């Protein structure tokens, strides 16, 4: 979970890459044949509302704190 959140923040901040626009886009596709979209999954993992994810992810200090707050027992899940 930590790695997923770290990588998502990294991808969103790479503004010159296509992934930064697709990651939290409204047309986000379900992940691995599930009904959960990427923004929904990131919201669930981080505890931040979908509408506030982009702002939190763009600020490295805030996003590092979010990732660091994930308990070690939940980090793999």
N, C-alpha and C. Protein backbone atom coordinates (compact mmCIF):
# COMPACT_ATOMS: atom_id res chain seq x y z
N UNK A 1 0.83 -1.18 0.00
CA UNK A 1 0.00 0.00 0.00
C UNK A 1 0.88 1.25 0.00
N UNK A 2 1.92 1.23 0.83
CA UNK A 2 2.84 2.39 0.85
C UNK A 2 3.48 2.61 -0.52
N UNK A 3 3.95 1.54 -1.11
CA UNK A 3 4.61 1.67 -2.41
C UNK A 3 3.65 2.16 -3.48
N UNK A 4 2.41 1.69 -3.42
CA UNK A 4 1.41 2.12 -4.39
C UNK A 4 1.17 3.62 -4.25
N UNK A 5 1.04 4.09 -3.03
CA UNK A 5 0.81 5.52 -2.79
C UNK A 5 2.03 6.36 -3.19
N UNK A 6 3.22 5.87 -2.86
CA UNK A 6 4.44 6.59 -3.24
C UNK A 6 4.54 6.70 -4.75
N UNK A 7 4.29 5.59 -5.45
CA UNK A 7 4.40 5.58 -6.90
C UNK A 7 3.33 6.47 -7.54
N UNK A 8 2.13 6.46 -6.99
CA UNK A 8 1.06 7.30 -7.52
C UNK A 8 1.42 8.77 -7.39
N UNK A 9 1.99 9.16 -6.25
CA UNK A 9 2.43 10.55 -6.08
C UNK A 9 3.52 10.91 -7.06
N UNK A 10 4.45 10.01 -7.25
CA UNK A 10 5.53 10.22 -8.21
C UNK A 10 4.97 10.42 -9.62
N UNK A 11 4.03 9.57 -10.01
CA UNK A 11 3.44 9.65 -11.35
C UNK A 11 2.65 10.94 -11.54
N UNK A 12 1.91 11.36 -10.52
CA UNK A 12 1.11 12.57 -10.65
C UNK A 12 1.99 13.80 -10.80
N UNK A 13 3.12 13.82 -10.11
CA UNK A 13 4.02 14.98 -10.19
C UNK A 13 4.84 15.01 -11.47
N UNK A 14 4.85 13.93 -12.24
CA UNK A 14 5.56 13.89 -13.53
C UNK A 14 4.66 14.51 -14.58
N UNK A 15 4.50 15.82 -14.53
CA UNK A 15 3.52 16.52 -15.35
C UNK A 15 3.74 16.39 -16.85
N UNK A 16 4.94 16.07 -17.28
CA UNK A 16 5.20 15.94 -18.72
C UNK A 16 4.80 14.56 -19.25
N UNK A 17 4.42 13.66 -18.36
CA UNK A 17 4.05 12.30 -18.76
C UNK A 17 2.52 12.14 -18.81
N UNK A 18 2.07 11.25 -19.66
CA UNK A 18 0.64 11.00 -19.84
C UNK A 18 -0.01 10.47 -18.56
N UNK A 19 0.72 9.68 -17.80
CA UNK A 19 0.16 9.07 -16.60
C UNK A 19 -0.33 10.12 -15.61
N UNK A 20 0.27 11.29 -15.59
CA UNK A 20 -0.15 12.31 -14.63
C UNK A 20 -1.58 12.78 -14.90
N UNK A 21 -2.00 12.77 -16.15
CA UNK A 21 -3.38 13.17 -16.46
C UNK A 21 -4.35 12.01 -16.34
N UNK A 22 -3.87 10.80 -16.54
CA UNK A 22 -4.75 9.63 -16.49
C UNK A 22 -4.99 9.12 -15.07
N UNK A 23 -4.06 9.34 -14.18
CA UNK A 23 -4.10 8.75 -12.84
C UNK A 23 -5.36 9.10 -12.08
N UNK A 24 -5.72 10.35 -12.04
CA UNK A 24 -6.91 10.78 -11.29
C UNK A 24 -8.02 11.29 -12.18
N UNK A 25 -7.92 11.01 -13.47
CA UNK A 25 -8.92 11.50 -14.42
C UNK A 25 -10.30 10.91 -14.20
N UNK A 26 -11.30 11.61 -14.69
CA UNK A 26 -12.68 11.16 -14.51
C UNK A 26 -12.97 9.90 -15.33
N UNK A 27 -12.17 9.62 -16.33
CA UNK A 27 -12.37 8.45 -17.16
C UNK A 27 -11.49 7.28 -16.71
N UNK A 28 -11.07 7.30 -15.46
CA UNK A 28 -10.19 6.27 -14.93
C UNK A 28 -10.85 4.90 -15.01
N UNK A 29 -10.12 3.93 -15.53
CA UNK A 29 -10.66 2.59 -15.72
C UNK A 29 -10.54 1.75 -14.45
N UNK A 30 -11.42 0.77 -14.30
CA UNK A 30 -11.29 -0.14 -13.16
C UNK A 30 -9.95 -0.87 -13.18
N UNK A 31 -9.47 -1.23 -12.00
CA UNK A 31 -8.19 -1.89 -11.87
C UNK A 31 -8.39 -3.39 -11.77
N UNK A 32 -7.68 -4.13 -12.60
CA UNK A 32 -7.68 -5.60 -12.57
C UNK A 32 -9.09 -6.19 -12.55
N UNK A 33 -9.91 -5.77 -13.47
CA UNK A 33 -11.27 -6.29 -13.62
C UNK A 33 -12.13 -6.10 -12.38
N UNK A 34 -11.83 -5.12 -11.58
CA UNK A 34 -12.63 -4.80 -10.40
C UNK A 34 -13.44 -3.55 -10.69
N UNK A 35 -14.40 -3.28 -9.86
CA UNK A 35 -15.22 -2.08 -10.05
C UNK A 35 -14.58 -0.85 -9.42
N UNK A 36 -13.50 -1.04 -8.68
CA UNK A 36 -12.81 0.08 -8.05
C UNK A 36 -11.87 0.74 -9.05
N UNK A 37 -11.96 2.05 -9.15
CA UNK A 37 -11.06 2.79 -10.04
C UNK A 37 -9.82 3.21 -9.26
N UNK A 38 -8.83 3.65 -9.98
CA UNK A 38 -7.57 4.07 -9.34
C UNK A 38 -7.79 5.20 -8.33
N UNK A 39 -8.55 6.25 -8.66
CA UNK A 39 -8.77 7.30 -7.66
C UNK A 39 -9.48 6.77 -6.41
N UNK A 40 -10.42 5.86 -6.57
CA UNK A 40 -11.12 5.29 -5.42
C UNK A 40 -10.17 4.48 -4.55
N UNK A 41 -9.30 3.71 -5.18
CA UNK A 41 -8.35 2.89 -4.44
C UNK A 41 -7.36 3.77 -3.67
N UNK A 42 -6.84 4.81 -4.32
CA UNK A 42 -5.90 5.72 -3.67
C UNK A 42 -6.58 6.46 -2.52
N UNK A 43 -7.84 6.81 -2.70
CA UNK A 43 -8.59 7.47 -1.64
C UNK A 43 -8.76 6.54 -0.45
N UNK A 44 -9.10 5.30 -0.72
CA UNK A 44 -9.27 4.32 0.35
C UNK A 44 -7.95 4.09 1.09
N UNK A 45 -6.87 3.95 0.36
CA UNK A 45 -5.57 3.69 0.97
C UNK A 45 -5.07 4.86 1.80
N UNK A 46 -5.30 6.08 1.32
CA UNK A 46 -4.75 7.26 1.99
C UNK A 46 -5.68 7.87 3.02
N UNK A 47 -6.97 7.61 2.89
CA UNK A 47 -7.93 8.22 3.80
C UNK A 47 -8.27 9.65 3.41
N UNK A 48 -7.96 10.03 2.18
CA UNK A 48 -8.22 11.38 1.67
C UNK A 48 -9.31 11.27 0.61
N UNK A 49 -10.24 12.21 0.62
CA UNK A 49 -11.32 12.21 -0.37
C UNK A 49 -10.76 12.32 -1.78
N UNK A 50 -11.46 11.74 -2.75
CA UNK A 50 -11.00 11.73 -4.14
C UNK A 50 -10.76 13.15 -4.65
N UNK A 51 -11.64 14.07 -4.32
CA UNK A 51 -11.51 15.45 -4.79
C UNK A 51 -10.30 16.18 -4.23
N UNK A 52 -9.76 15.71 -3.11
CA UNK A 52 -8.62 16.37 -2.48
C UNK A 52 -7.30 15.65 -2.75
N UNK A 53 -7.34 14.52 -3.43
CA UNK A 53 -6.13 13.73 -3.69
C UNK A 53 -5.09 14.50 -4.49
N UNK A 54 -5.51 15.14 -5.55
CA UNK A 54 -4.58 15.81 -6.44
C UNK A 54 -3.76 16.86 -5.69
N UNK A 55 -4.41 17.66 -4.90
CA UNK A 55 -3.72 18.71 -4.15
C UNK A 55 -2.73 18.10 -3.15
N UNK A 56 -3.14 17.06 -2.45
CA UNK A 56 -2.26 16.42 -1.47
C UNK A 56 -1.08 15.75 -2.15
N UNK A 57 -1.31 15.12 -3.28
CA UNK A 57 -0.23 14.40 -3.98
C UNK A 57 0.78 15.34 -4.60
N UNK A 58 0.36 16.53 -5.00
CA UNK A 58 1.29 17.48 -5.61
C UNK A 58 2.25 18.09 -4.60
N UNK A 59 1.86 18.11 -3.34
CA UNK A 59 2.73 18.64 -2.28
C UNK A 59 3.51 17.47 -1.68
N UNK A 60 4.79 17.39 -1.99
CA UNK A 60 5.60 16.24 -1.56
C UNK A 60 5.61 16.05 -0.04
N UNK A 61 5.72 17.13 0.69
CA UNK A 61 5.79 17.02 2.15
C UNK A 61 4.49 16.44 2.70
N UNK A 62 3.37 16.91 2.20
CA UNK A 62 2.07 16.39 2.64
C UNK A 62 1.93 14.92 2.26
N UNK A 63 2.29 14.59 1.03
CA UNK A 63 2.13 13.21 0.57
C UNK A 63 3.05 12.25 1.33
N UNK A 64 4.26 12.68 1.63
CA UNK A 64 5.17 11.84 2.43
C UNK A 64 4.58 11.57 3.81
N UNK A 65 3.96 12.59 4.39
CA UNK A 65 3.34 12.42 5.70
C UNK A 65 2.17 11.45 5.63
N UNK A 66 1.39 11.52 4.56
CA UNK A 66 0.27 10.60 4.37
C UNK A 66 0.78 9.17 4.27
N UNK A 67 1.80 8.98 3.47
CA UNK A 67 2.37 7.63 3.28
C UNK A 67 3.00 7.13 4.58
N UNK A 68 3.68 8.00 5.30
CA UNK A 68 4.34 7.61 6.55
C UNK A 68 3.33 7.25 7.64
N UNK A 69 2.12 7.79 7.56
CA UNK A 69 1.09 7.52 8.58
C UNK A 69 0.43 6.16 8.43
N UNK A 70 0.73 5.44 7.37
CA UNK A 70 0.13 4.12 7.18
C UNK A 70 0.81 3.15 8.13
N UNK A 71 0.03 2.47 8.98
CA UNK A 71 0.64 1.52 9.92
C UNK A 71 1.38 0.40 9.18
N UNK A 72 2.44 -0.09 9.79
CA UNK A 72 3.27 -1.13 9.17
C UNK A 72 2.45 -2.37 8.86
N UNK A 73 1.46 -2.70 9.70
CA UNK A 73 0.67 -3.91 9.46
C UNK A 73 -0.22 -3.76 8.23
N UNK A 74 -0.59 -2.53 7.86
CA UNK A 74 -1.43 -2.29 6.69
C UNK A 74 -0.63 -1.99 5.45
N UNK A 75 0.66 -1.82 5.57
CA UNK A 75 1.48 -1.36 4.45
C UNK A 75 1.53 -2.35 3.30
N UNK A 76 1.31 -3.61 3.55
CA UNK A 76 1.42 -4.60 2.48
C UNK A 76 0.09 -4.85 1.79
N UNK A 77 -1.01 -4.46 2.36
CA UNK A 77 -2.30 -4.84 1.93
C UNK A 77 -2.96 -4.20 0.85
